[in-house]
Amino acid sequence: MDKKINQLYHEYRTGGSDRRGFLKKLTAYLGSTAAALAFLPVLDEKYADGTLMQTADEDLVTEFITYPAETGEMRAYMARPKANKKYPAVIVIHENRGLVPHIQDVNRRMAKEGFLALAPDALSPVGGTPEDITNVGELFKKLVPEQTTKNFVAAVKYLKTHPNSNGKVGCTGFCWGGAMTNQVAVNSPDLKAAVPYYGRQPVADDVPKIKASVLAHYAENDQGINAGIAAFEEALKKAGIEYQIFSYPGTGHGFNNDTGQRYNEEAAKQAWKRTVDFFKTKLK
C-alpha cells in the first residue's frame, strides 16, 4: 500500500480531517474522483482488519487527544514510540498556519527520536485549524494572547503527569510557535528545555522568569526577528540562564519547513540534530 495514501487515511481516521477533506486529498493524489471512490472500500476493509494502520506508522502510536486548559478543552496531536513505557516529553508548537499536516509530521519525527510528543492546536478555542487555511490569519486574530499562552502552559502540566511521561517536559516551536515557546518558558517553571526556531523573543524583564535551558535557532536573513537577539542574549547572561544560540548562514525565516519555499535542507538537519541531542540531554 502506498505510504502517502496510508498517511492520508490515517489522518482521516484519527480525526485529522473530515471525510470530505480526505476524499479531496485522495482525489488529488490519485488523479480522479472515480479512482478515489473505487479505492475507498479497499482502505475501509484494510482499516477494519488492522493491516492498514500497521503500515502507516508501524513504530508509533498516534492519536488526537484533548487536554484541559485555560479556555476549555484543547485539541492536540500526540505521538509516541510503540512500547508502552515512560518517555521524556516534548511539546511541538506550530507556525501561524495552525496544526497542519506538516506539523503533525514534525511531531511524529520527534516521537521517532524517542519522545512523547504533543502538538496542540492553538486555534482550538475558535473551532480548530480549518481544512482550508487560506484565511487562517483571521482566526489567529481572534485569539487572546494571555489565554493562548496559558493553554500551552497547560500542555506542560498535562505532559508532566501523563502515564507515558518521565515527568520532564521540553518545548519547541517554529515562527509563531517559536515565539510561543519563549512565552511557555517564561510562564512555566516546570519546563526543563526550550528550543525556539526563529521566534520573537520575550521582553528583557521577563527573561529572569525562565527556569528552562534554552537553545535558540535563527536564520541569517531574518531582520525583524534577529533584531531582538542581542537584548535576549544579554538578558539570558544577566539572569544566569543556560543557553545556546545558533544562526544558520544563507537561510531565511522558515528554513526548517520542508513544505515551504525557504526550506534549507542542510540547516534544517543540523538544527534538528542539535534540538534532539539537547532534549535527550536535558530531559533524561
C-alpha atoms as a PDB file:
ATOM      1  CA  MET A   1       0.000   0.000   0.000  1.00  0.00           C
ATOM      2  CA  ASP A   2       1.313   3.467  -0.924  1.00  0.00           C
ATOM      3  CA  LYS A   3       2.718   5.234   2.174  1.00  0.00           C
ATOM      4  CA  LYS A   4       1.184   8.607   1.222  1.00  0.00           C
ATOM      5  CA  ILE A   5      -2.285   7.047   0.929  1.00  0.00           C
ATOM      6  CA  ASN A   6      -1.777   5.346   4.289  1.00  0.00           C
ATOM      7  CA  GLN A   7      -0.896   8.687   5.883  1.00  0.00           C
ATOM      8  CA  LEU A   8      -3.901  10.439   4.366  1.00  0.00           C
ATOM      9  CA  TYR A   9      -6.263   7.726   5.527  1.00  0.00           C
ATOM     10  CA  HIS A  10      -4.650   7.535   8.962  1.00  0.00           C
ATOM     11  CA  GLU A  11      -5.083  11.292   9.373  1.00  0.00           C
ATOM     12  CA  TYR A  12      -8.758  10.974   8.428  1.00  0.00           C
ATOM     13  CA  ARG A  13      -9.494   8.033  10.755  1.00  0.00           C
ATOM     14  CA  THR A  14      -7.764   9.681  13.730  1.00  0.00           C
ATOM     15  CA  GLY A  15      -9.704  12.934  13.362  1.00  0.00           C
ATOM     16  CA  GLY A  16      -7.159  14.990  11.463  1.00  0.00           C
ATOM     17  CA  SER A  17      -9.588  15.682   8.601  1.00  0.00           C
ATOM     18  CA  ASP A  18     -13.233  15.047   7.777  1.00  0.00           C
ATOM     19  CA  ARG A  19     -14.387  12.612   5.101  1.00  0.00           C
ATOM     20  CA  ARG A  20     -14.925  15.308   2.515  1.00  0.00           C
ATOM     21  CA  GLY A  21     -11.431  16.702   3.067  1.00  0.00           C
ATOM     22  CA  PHE A  22      -9.899  13.236   2.926  1.00  0.00           C
ATOM     23  CA  LEU A  23     -11.637  12.404  -0.363  1.00  0.00           C
ATOM     24  CA  LYS A  24     -10.489  15.712  -1.831  1.00  0.00           C
ATOM     25  CA  LYS A  25      -6.850  14.916  -0.975  1.00  0.00           C
ATOM     26  CA  LEU A  26      -7.169  11.325  -2.170  1.00  0.00           C
ATOM     27  CA  THR A  27      -8.676  12.501  -5.464  1.00  0.00           C
ATOM     28  CA  ALA A  28      -5.816  14.956  -5.973  1.00  0.00           C
ATOM     29  CA  TYR A  29      -3.279  12.229  -5.266  1.00  0.00           C
ATOM     30  CA  LEU A  30      -4.870   9.534  -7.458  1.00  0.00           C
ATOM     31  CA  GLY A  31      -5.864  11.873 -10.255  1.00  0.00           C
ATOM     32  CA  SER A  32      -9.634  11.409 -10.378  1.00  0.00           C
ATOM     33  CA  THR A  33     -12.731  11.180  -8.216  1.00  0.00           C
ATOM     34  CA  ALA A  34     -13.572   7.814  -9.765  1.00  0.00           C
ATOM     35  CA  ALA A  35     -10.225   6.358  -8.710  1.00  0.00           C
ATOM     36  CA  ALA A  36     -10.627   7.704  -5.184  1.00  0.00           C
ATOM     37  CA  LEU A  37     -14.140   6.291  -4.790  1.00  0.00           C
ATOM     38  CA  ALA A  38     -13.041   2.944  -6.193  1.00  0.00           C
ATOM     39  CA  PHE A  39     -10.121   2.753  -3.778  1.00  0.00           C
ATOM     40  CA  LEU A  40     -12.045   3.801  -0.679  1.00  0.00           C
ATOM     41  CA  PRO A  41     -13.664   0.385   0.051  1.00  0.00           C
ATOM     42  CA  VAL A  42     -10.203  -1.207  -0.041  1.00  0.00           C
ATOM     43  CA  LEU A  43      -8.943   1.266   2.544  1.00  0.00           C
ATOM     44  CA  ASP A  44     -12.000   0.738   4.749  1.00  0.00           C
ATOM     45  CA  GLU A  45     -11.523  -3.031   4.605  1.00  0.00           C
ATOM     46  CA  LYS A  46      -7.830  -2.850   5.462  1.00  0.00           C
ATOM     47  CA  TYR A  47      -8.573  -0.450   8.301  1.00  0.00           C
ATOM     48  CA  ALA A  48     -11.189  -2.810   9.688  1.00  0.00           C
ATOM     49  CA  ASP A  49      -8.836  -5.802   9.771  1.00  0.00           C
ATOM     50  CA  GLY A  50      -5.920  -3.747  11.151  1.00  0.00           C
ATOM     51  CA  THR A  51      -3.499  -4.182   8.267  1.00  0.00           C
ATOM     52  CA  LEU A  52      -3.626  -0.542   7.110  1.00  0.00           C
ATOM     53  CA  MET A  53      -2.511   1.021  10.364  1.00  0.00           C
ATOM     54  CA  GLN A  54       0.339  -1.448  10.634  1.00  0.00           C
ATOM     55  CA  THR A  55       1.895   0.156   7.570  1.00  0.00           C
ATOM     56  CA  ALA A  56       1.047   3.792   8.358  1.00  0.00           C
ATOM     57  CA  ASP A  57       3.484   4.290  11.247  1.00  0.00           C
ATOM     58  CA  GLU A  58       4.491   0.873  12.429  1.00  0.00           C
ATOM     59  CA  ASP A  59       6.810   2.113  15.158  1.00  0.00           C
ATOM     60  CA  LEU A  60       4.479   4.764  16.628  1.00  0.00           C
ATOM     61  CA  VAL A  61       1.211   5.167  18.495  1.00  0.00           C
ATOM     62  CA  THR A  62      -0.557   8.303  17.225  1.00  0.00           C
ATOM     63  CA  GLU A  63      -3.888   9.860  18.145  1.00  0.00           C
ATOM     64  CA  PHE A  64      -5.761  13.127  18.503  1.00  0.00           C
ATOM     65  CA  ILE A  65      -6.487  13.896  22.143  1.00  0.00           C
ATOM     66  CA  THR A  66      -7.833  16.767  24.241  1.00  0.00           C
ATOM     67  CA  TYR A  67      -6.384  18.186  27.436  1.00  0.00           C
ATOM     68  CA  PRO A  68      -7.821  20.703  29.938  1.00  0.00           C
ATOM     69  CA  ALA A  69      -6.624  24.280  29.508  1.00  0.00           C
ATOM     70  CA  GLU A  70      -7.470  27.907  30.221  1.00  0.00           C
ATOM     71  CA  THR A  71     -10.166  28.219  27.534  1.00  0.00           C
ATOM     72  CA  GLY A  72     -11.543  24.670  27.862  1.00  0.00           C
ATOM     73  CA  GLU A  73     -10.535  21.502  26.077  1.00  0.00           C
ATOM     74  CA  MET A  74      -7.543  21.888  23.782  1.00  0.00           C
ATOM     75  CA  ARG A  75      -7.239  19.537  20.813  1.00  0.00           C
ATOM     76  CA  ALA A  76      -3.763  18.149  20.143  1.00  0.00           C
ATOM     77  CA  TYR A  77      -1.980  15.502  18.102  1.00  0.00           C
ATOM     78  CA  MET A  78       0.014  13.028  20.191  1.00  0.00           C
ATOM     79  CA  ALA A  79       2.664  10.555  19.076  1.00  0.00           C
ATOM     80  CA  ARG A  80       4.984   8.212  20.930  1.00  0.00           C
ATOM     81  CA  PRO A  81       7.034   5.079  20.298  1.00  0.00           C
ATOM     82  CA  LYS A  82       5.036   1.869  20.377  1.00  0.00           C
ATOM     83  CA  ALA A  83       6.472   0.433  23.616  1.00  0.00           C
ATOM     84  CA  ASN A  84       4.120   1.286  26.496  1.00  0.00           C
ATOM     85  CA  LYS A  85       6.629   2.915  28.844  1.00  0.00           C
ATOM     86  CA  LYS A  86       7.707   6.338  30.066  1.00  0.00           C
ATOM     87  CA  TYR A  87       9.430   8.797  27.726  1.00  0.00           C
ATOM     88  CA  PRO A  88      10.762  12.340  28.010  1.00  0.00           C
ATOM     89  CA  ALA A  89       8.020  14.652  26.723  1.00  0.00           C
ATOM     90  CA  VAL A  90       8.179  17.424  24.105  1.00  0.00           C
ATOM     91  CA  ILE A  91       5.576  19.975  23.050  1.00  0.00           C
ATOM     92  CA  VAL A  92       5.724  20.894  19.347  1.00  0.00           C
ATOM     93  CA  ILE A  93       4.150  24.277  18.534  1.00  0.00           C
ATOM     94  CA  HIS A  94       3.013  25.073  15.008  1.00  0.00           C
ATOM     95  CA  GLU A  95       3.600  28.110  12.838  1.00  0.00           C
ATOM     96  CA  ASN A  96       0.966  30.754  12.120  1.00  0.00           C
ATOM     97  CA  ARG A  97      -0.832  28.325   9.794  1.00  0.00           C
ATOM     98  CA  GLY A  98      -2.212  26.128  12.560  1.00  0.00           C
ATOM     99  CA  LEU A  99      -1.943  22.407  13.221  1.00  0.00           C
ATOM    100  CA  VAL A 100      -1.398  21.476   9.575  1.00  0.00           C
ATOM    101  CA  PRO A 101      -0.189  18.051   8.320  1.00  0.00           C
ATOM    102  CA  HIS A 102       3.414  19.325   8.182  1.00  0.00           C
ATOM    103  CA  ILE A 103       3.463  19.975  11.935  1.00  0.00           C
ATOM    104  CA  GLN A 104       1.799  16.638  12.591  1.00  0.00           C
ATOM    105  CA  ASP A 105       4.663  15.108  10.624  1.00  0.00           C
ATOM    106  CA  VAL A 106       7.234  17.035  12.683  1.00  0.00           C
ATOM    107  CA  ASN A 107       5.504  15.721  15.806  1.00  0.00           C
ATOM    108  CA  ARG A 108       5.866  12.159  14.534  1.00  0.00           C
ATOM    109  CA  ARG A 109       9.535  12.805  13.770  1.00  0.00           C
ATOM    110  CA  MET A 110      10.022  13.893  17.366  1.00  0.00           C
ATOM    111  CA  ALA A 111       8.285  10.746  18.607  1.00  0.00           C
ATOM    112  CA  LYS A 112      10.550   8.618  16.422  1.00  0.00           C
ATOM    113  CA  GLU A 113      13.502  10.145  18.261  1.00  0.00           C
ATOM    114  CA  GLY A 114      12.204   8.574  21.470  1.00  0.00           C
ATOM    115  CA  PHE A 115       9.879  11.223  22.903  1.00  0.00           C
ATOM    116  CA  LEU A 116       6.261  11.514  23.952  1.00  0.00           C
ATOM    117  CA  ALA A 117       5.397  14.313  21.513  1.00  0.00           C
ATOM    118  CA  LEU A 118       2.356  16.585  21.669  1.00  0.00           C
ATOM    119  CA  ALA A 119       1.343  19.191  19.068  1.00  0.00           C
ATOM    120  CA  PRO A 120      -1.543  21.330  20.410  1.00  0.00           C
ATOM    121  CA  ASP A 121      -3.862  23.233  18.096  1.00  0.00           C
ATOM    122  CA  ALA A 122      -3.741  26.865  19.233  1.00  0.00           C
ATOM    123  CA  LEU A 123      -6.939  27.514  17.288  1.00  0.00           C
ATOM    124  CA  SER A 124      -8.983  25.082  19.391  1.00  0.00           C
ATOM    125  CA  PRO A 125     -10.876  27.961  21.135  1.00  0.00           C
ATOM    126  CA  VAL A 126     -12.068  29.275  17.744  1.00  0.00           C
ATOM    127  CA  GLY A 127     -13.057  25.980  16.154  1.00  0.00           C
ATOM    128  CA  GLY A 128      -9.655  24.495  15.394  1.00  0.00           C
ATOM    129  CA  THR A 129      -7.393  24.649  12.351  1.00  0.00           C
ATOM    130  CA  PRO A 130      -9.623  24.558   9.259  1.00  0.00           C
ATOM    131  CA  GLU A 131      -9.145  22.281   6.261  1.00  0.00           C
ATOM    132  CA  ASP A 132      -8.719  25.365   4.061  1.00  0.00           C
ATOM    133  CA  ILE A 133      -6.140  27.632   5.706  1.00  0.00           C
ATOM    134  CA  THR A 134      -6.332  30.409   3.111  1.00  0.00           C
ATOM    135  CA  ASN A 135      -7.790  32.858   5.643  1.00  0.00           C
ATOM    136  CA  VAL A 136      -6.415  31.264   8.808  1.00  0.00           C
ATOM    137  CA  GLY A 137      -4.827  34.557   9.825  1.00  0.00           C
ATOM    138  CA  GLU A 138      -8.285  35.874  10.713  1.00  0.00           C
ATOM    139  CA  LEU A 139      -8.683  33.057  13.244  1.00  0.00           C
ATOM    140  CA  PHE A 140      -5.347  33.859  14.889  1.00  0.00           C
ATOM    141  CA  LYS A 141      -6.546  37.452  15.340  1.00  0.00           C
ATOM    142  CA  LYS A 142      -9.424  36.138  17.461  1.00  0.00           C
ATOM    143  CA  LEU A 143      -7.102  34.518  19.998  1.00  0.00           C
ATOM    144  CA  VAL A 144      -6.427  36.290  23.302  1.00  0.00           C
ATOM    145  CA  PRO A 145      -2.622  36.211  23.782  1.00  0.00           C
ATOM    146  CA  GLU A 146      -2.654  35.694  27.557  1.00  0.00           C
ATOM    147  CA  GLN A 147      -5.165  32.867  27.289  1.00  0.00           C
ATOM    148  CA  THR A 148      -3.259  31.255  24.428  1.00  0.00           C
ATOM    149  CA  THR A 149      -0.057  31.237  26.468  1.00  0.00           C
ATOM    150  CA  LYS A 150      -1.889  29.627  29.387  1.00  0.00           C
ATOM    151  CA  ASN A 151      -3.313  26.996  27.029  1.00  0.00           C
ATOM    152  CA  PHE A 152       0.236  25.950  26.121  1.00  0.00           C
ATOM    153  CA  VAL A 153       1.456  26.160  29.708  1.00  0.00           C
ATOM    154  CA  ALA A 154      -1.384  23.721  30.496  1.00  0.00           C
ATOM    155  CA  ALA A 155       0.202  21.314  28.000  1.00  0.00           C
ATOM    156  CA  VAL A 156       3.341  21.251  30.170  1.00  0.00           C
ATOM    157  CA  LYS A 157       1.232  20.263  33.177  1.00  0.00           C
ATOM    158  CA  TYR A 158      -0.621  17.649  31.120  1.00  0.00           C
ATOM    159  CA  LEU A 159       2.582  16.009  29.876  1.00  0.00           C
ATOM    160  CA  LYS A 160       4.339  16.222  33.244  1.00  0.00           C
ATOM    161  CA  THR A 161       1.764  13.844  34.749  1.00  0.00           C
ATOM    162  CA  HIS A 162       0.969  11.727  31.669  1.00  0.00           C
ATOM    163  CA  PRO A 163       1.316   7.966  32.261  1.00  0.00           C
ATOM    164  CA  ASN A 164       3.792   7.680  29.373  1.00  0.00           C
ATOM    165  CA  SER A 165       5.912  10.648  30.507  1.00  0.00           C
ATOM    166  CA  ASN A 166       9.007  10.554  32.697  1.00  0.00           C
ATOM    167  CA  GLY A 167       7.837  13.868  34.161  1.00  0.00           C
ATOM    168  CA  LYS A 168      10.330  16.039  32.290  1.00  0.00           C
ATOM    169  CA  VAL A 169       8.965  18.325  29.571  1.00  0.00           C
ATOM    170  CA  GLY A 170      10.584  20.338  26.799  1.00  0.00           C
ATOM    171  CA  CYS A 171       9.074  22.629  24.182  1.00  0.00           C
ATOM    172  CA  THR A 172       9.943  23.587  20.634  1.00  0.00           C
ATOM    173  CA  GLY A 173       8.152  25.675  18.049  1.00  0.00           C
ATOM    174  CA  PHE A 174       8.528  27.403  14.719  1.00  0.00           C
ATOM    175  CA  CYS A 175       7.897  31.041  13.730  1.00  0.00           C
ATOM    176  CA  TRP A 176       4.717  31.895  15.707  1.00  0.00           C
ATOM    177  CA  GLY A 177       5.397  28.706  17.630  1.00  0.00           C
ATOM    178  CA  GLY A 178       8.961  29.830  18.324  1.00  0.00           C
ATOM    179  CA  ALA A 179       7.663  32.980  19.977  1.00  0.00           C
ATOM    180  CA  MET A 180       5.137  30.894  21.914  1.00  0.00           C
ATOM    181  CA  THR A 181       7.910  28.526  23.024  1.00  0.00           C
ATOM    182  CA  ASN A 182       9.644  31.527  24.584  1.00  0.00           C
ATOM    183  CA  GLN A 183       6.417  32.510  26.335  1.00  0.00           C
ATOM    184  CA  VAL A 184       5.945  28.987  27.674  1.00  0.00           C
ATOM    185  CA  ALA A 185       9.491  29.156  29.057  1.00  0.00           C
ATOM    186  CA  VAL A 186       8.699  32.467  30.760  1.00  0.00           C
ATOM    187  CA  ASN A 187       5.409  31.281  32.225  1.00  0.00           C
ATOM    188  CA  SER A 188       6.060  27.641  33.140  1.00  0.00           C
ATOM    189  CA  PRO A 189       8.643  26.981  35.861  1.00  0.00           C
ATOM    190  CA  ASP A 190       8.132  23.246  35.205  1.00  0.00           C
ATOM    191  CA  LEU A 191       9.577  23.460  31.680  1.00  0.00           C
ATOM    192  CA  LYS A 192      13.058  21.928  31.520  1.00  0.00           C
ATOM    193  CA  ALA A 193      14.183  22.813  27.982  1.00  0.00           C
ATOM    194  CA  ALA A 194      13.057  25.338  25.353  1.00  0.00           C
ATOM    195  CA  VAL A 195      14.039  25.301  21.670  1.00  0.00           C
ATOM    196  CA  PRO A 196      12.544  28.225  19.724  1.00  0.00           C
ATOM    197  CA  TYR A 197      13.079  28.298  15.960  1.00  0.00           C
ATOM    198  CA  TYR A 198      13.219  31.866  14.581  1.00  0.00           C
ATOM    199  CA  GLY A 199      10.776  33.038  17.238  1.00  0.00           C
ATOM    200  CA  ARG A 200      10.224  36.535  18.581  1.00  0.00           C
ATOM    201  CA  GLN A 201      11.978  36.931  21.913  1.00  0.00           C
ATOM    202  CA  PRO A 202      10.355  37.744  25.274  1.00  0.00           C
ATOM    203  CA  VAL A 203      10.873  41.209  26.740  1.00  0.00           C
ATOM    204  CA  ALA A 204      14.052  41.509  28.788  1.00  0.00           C
ATOM    205  CA  ASP A 205      12.179  41.962  32.077  1.00  0.00           C
ATOM    206  CA  ASP A 206      10.529  38.560  31.623  1.00  0.00           C
ATOM    207  CA  VAL A 207      13.705  36.608  30.859  1.00  0.00           C
ATOM    208  CA  PRO A 208      14.710  36.072  34.529  1.00  0.00           C
ATOM    209  CA  LYS A 209      11.478  34.089  34.980  1.00  0.00           C
ATOM    210  CA  ILE A 210      12.824  31.364  32.665  1.00  0.00           C
ATOM    211  CA  LYS A 211      13.833  28.192  34.519  1.00  0.00           C
ATOM    212  CA  ALA A 212      14.450  26.079  31.399  1.00  0.00           C
ATOM    213  CA  SER A 213      17.683  25.675  29.473  1.00  0.00           C
ATOM    214  CA  VAL A 214      17.406  27.470  26.118  1.00  0.00           C
ATOM    215  CA  LEU A 215      18.608  26.505  22.635  1.00  0.00           C
ATOM    216  CA  ALA A 216      17.592  29.114  20.055  1.00  0.00           C
ATOM    217  CA  HIS A 217      17.809  28.715  16.262  1.00  0.00           C
ATOM    218  CA  TYR A 218      17.801  31.723  13.922  1.00  0.00           C
ATOM    219  CA  ALA A 219      18.001  32.291  10.185  1.00  0.00           C
ATOM    220  CA  GLU A 220      20.763  34.586   8.958  1.00  0.00           C
ATOM    221  CA  ASN A 221      18.389  36.581   6.761  1.00  0.00           C
ATOM    222  CA  ASP A 222      15.514  37.378   9.135  1.00  0.00           C
ATOM    223  CA  GLN A 223      15.928  41.032  10.033  1.00  0.00           C
ATOM    224  CA  GLY A 224      12.727  41.516  12.008  1.00  0.00           C
ATOM    225  CA  ILE A 225      13.263  38.553  14.319  1.00  0.00           C
ATOM    226  CA  ASN A 226      17.032  38.918  14.580  1.00  0.00           C
ATOM    227  CA  ALA A 227      16.730  42.491  15.819  1.00  0.00           C
ATOM    228  CA  GLY A 228      15.842  41.096  19.244  1.00  0.00           C
ATOM    229  CA  ILE A 229      18.690  38.573  19.594  1.00  0.00           C
ATOM    230  CA  ALA A 230      21.252  40.857  21.250  1.00  0.00           C
ATOM    231  CA  ALA A 231      18.892  42.024  24.007  1.00  0.00           C
ATOM    232  CA  PHE A 232      17.684  38.456  24.557  1.00  0.00           C
ATOM    233  CA  GLU A 233      21.224  37.122  24.906  1.00  0.00           C
ATOM    234  CA  GLU A 234      22.209  39.928  27.269  1.00  0.00           C
ATOM    235  CA  ALA A 235      19.188  39.207  29.472  1.00  0.00           C
ATOM    236  CA  LEU A 236      19.915  35.454  29.455  1.00  0.00           C
ATOM    237  CA  LYS A 237      23.513  36.095  30.530  1.00  0.00           C
ATOM    238  CA  LYS A 238      22.475  38.558  33.238  1.00  0.00           C
ATOM    239  CA  ALA A 239      19.930  36.084  34.639  1.00  0.00           C
ATOM    240  CA  GLY A 240      22.447  33.231  34.626  1.00  0.00           C
ATOM    241  CA  ILE A 241      20.287  31.065  32.356  1.00  0.00           C
ATOM    242  CA  GLU A 242      21.976  28.247  30.453  1.00  0.00           C
ATOM    243  CA  TYR A 243      21.596  28.981  26.752  1.00  0.00           C
ATOM    244  CA  GLN A 244      22.930  28.376  23.253  1.00  0.00           C
ATOM    245  CA  ILE A 245      22.179  30.493  20.191  1.00  0.00           C
ATOM    246  CA  PHE A 246      22.793  29.387  16.610  1.00  0.00           C
ATOM    247  CA  SER A 247      22.432  31.344  13.379  1.00  0.00           C
ATOM    248  CA  TYR A 248      22.402  29.414  10.092  1.00  0.00           C
ATOM    249  CA  PRO A 249      24.260  31.064   7.174  1.00  0.00           C
ATOM    250  CA  GLY A 250      22.364  31.638   3.957  1.00  0.00           C
ATOM    251  CA  THR A 251      18.966  30.823   5.446  1.00  0.00           C
ATOM    252  CA  GLY A 252      15.711  32.721   5.677  1.00  0.00           C
ATOM    253  CA  HIS A 253      12.808  32.622   8.107  1.00  0.00           C
ATOM    254  CA  GLY A 254      11.123  29.227   7.951  1.00  0.00           C
ATOM    255  CA  PHE A 255      14.176  27.249   6.858  1.00  0.00           C
ATOM    256  CA  ASN A 256      13.042  24.134   8.752  1.00  0.00           C
ATOM    257  CA  ASN A 257       9.726  23.783   6.897  1.00  0.00           C
ATOM    258  CA  ASP A 258      10.315  21.188   4.186  1.00  0.00           C
ATOM    259  CA  THR A 259       6.978  22.023   2.580  1.00  0.00           C
ATOM    260  CA  GLY A 260       7.910  25.698   2.117  1.00  0.00           C
ATOM    261  CA  GLN A 261       9.933  27.632  -0.447  1.00  0.00           C
ATOM    262  CA  ARG A 262      12.567  28.749   2.078  1.00  0.00           C
ATOM    263  CA  TYR A 263      13.441  25.242   3.224  1.00  0.00           C
ATOM    264  CA  ASN A 264      17.180  24.717   3.646  1.00  0.00           C
ATOM    265  CA  GLU A 265      17.951  21.017   3.982  1.00  0.00           C
ATOM    266  CA  GLU A 266      21.452  21.357   5.389  1.00  0.00           C
ATOM    267  CA  ALA A 267      20.476  23.894   8.041  1.00  0.00           C
ATOM    268  CA  ALA A 268      17.271  22.047   8.927  1.00  0.00           C
ATOM    269  CA  LYS A 269      19.123  18.771   9.500  1.00  0.00           C
ATOM    270  CA  GLN A 270      21.821  20.435  11.578  1.00  0.00           C
ATOM    271  CA  ALA A 271      19.280  22.316  13.711  1.00  0.00           C
ATOM    272  CA  TRP A 272      17.177  19.185  14.168  1.00  0.00           C
ATOM    273  CA  LYS A 273      20.158  17.144  15.383  1.00  0.00           C
ATOM    274  CA  ARG A 274      21.067  19.868  17.840  1.00  0.00           C
ATOM    275  CA  THR A 275      17.468  20.020  19.030  1.00  0.00           C
ATOM    276  CA  VAL A 276      17.135  16.275  19.555  1.00  0.00           C
ATOM    277  CA  ASP A 277      20.511  15.979  21.283  1.00  0.00           C
ATOM    278  CA  PHE A 278      19.599  18.912  23.534  1.00  0.00           C
ATOM    279  CA  PHE A 279      16.287  17.353  24.560  1.00  0.00           C
ATOM    280  CA  LYS A 280      17.884  13.958  25.149  1.00  0.00           C
ATOM    281  CA  THR A 281      20.405  15.591  27.473  1.00  0.00           C
ATOM    282  CA  LYS A 282      18.059  17.912  29.363  1.00  0.00           C
ATOM    283  CA  LEU A 283      15.028  15.609  29.662  1.00  0.00           C
ATOM    284  CA  LYS A 284      16.688  12.295  30.574  1.00  0.00           C
END
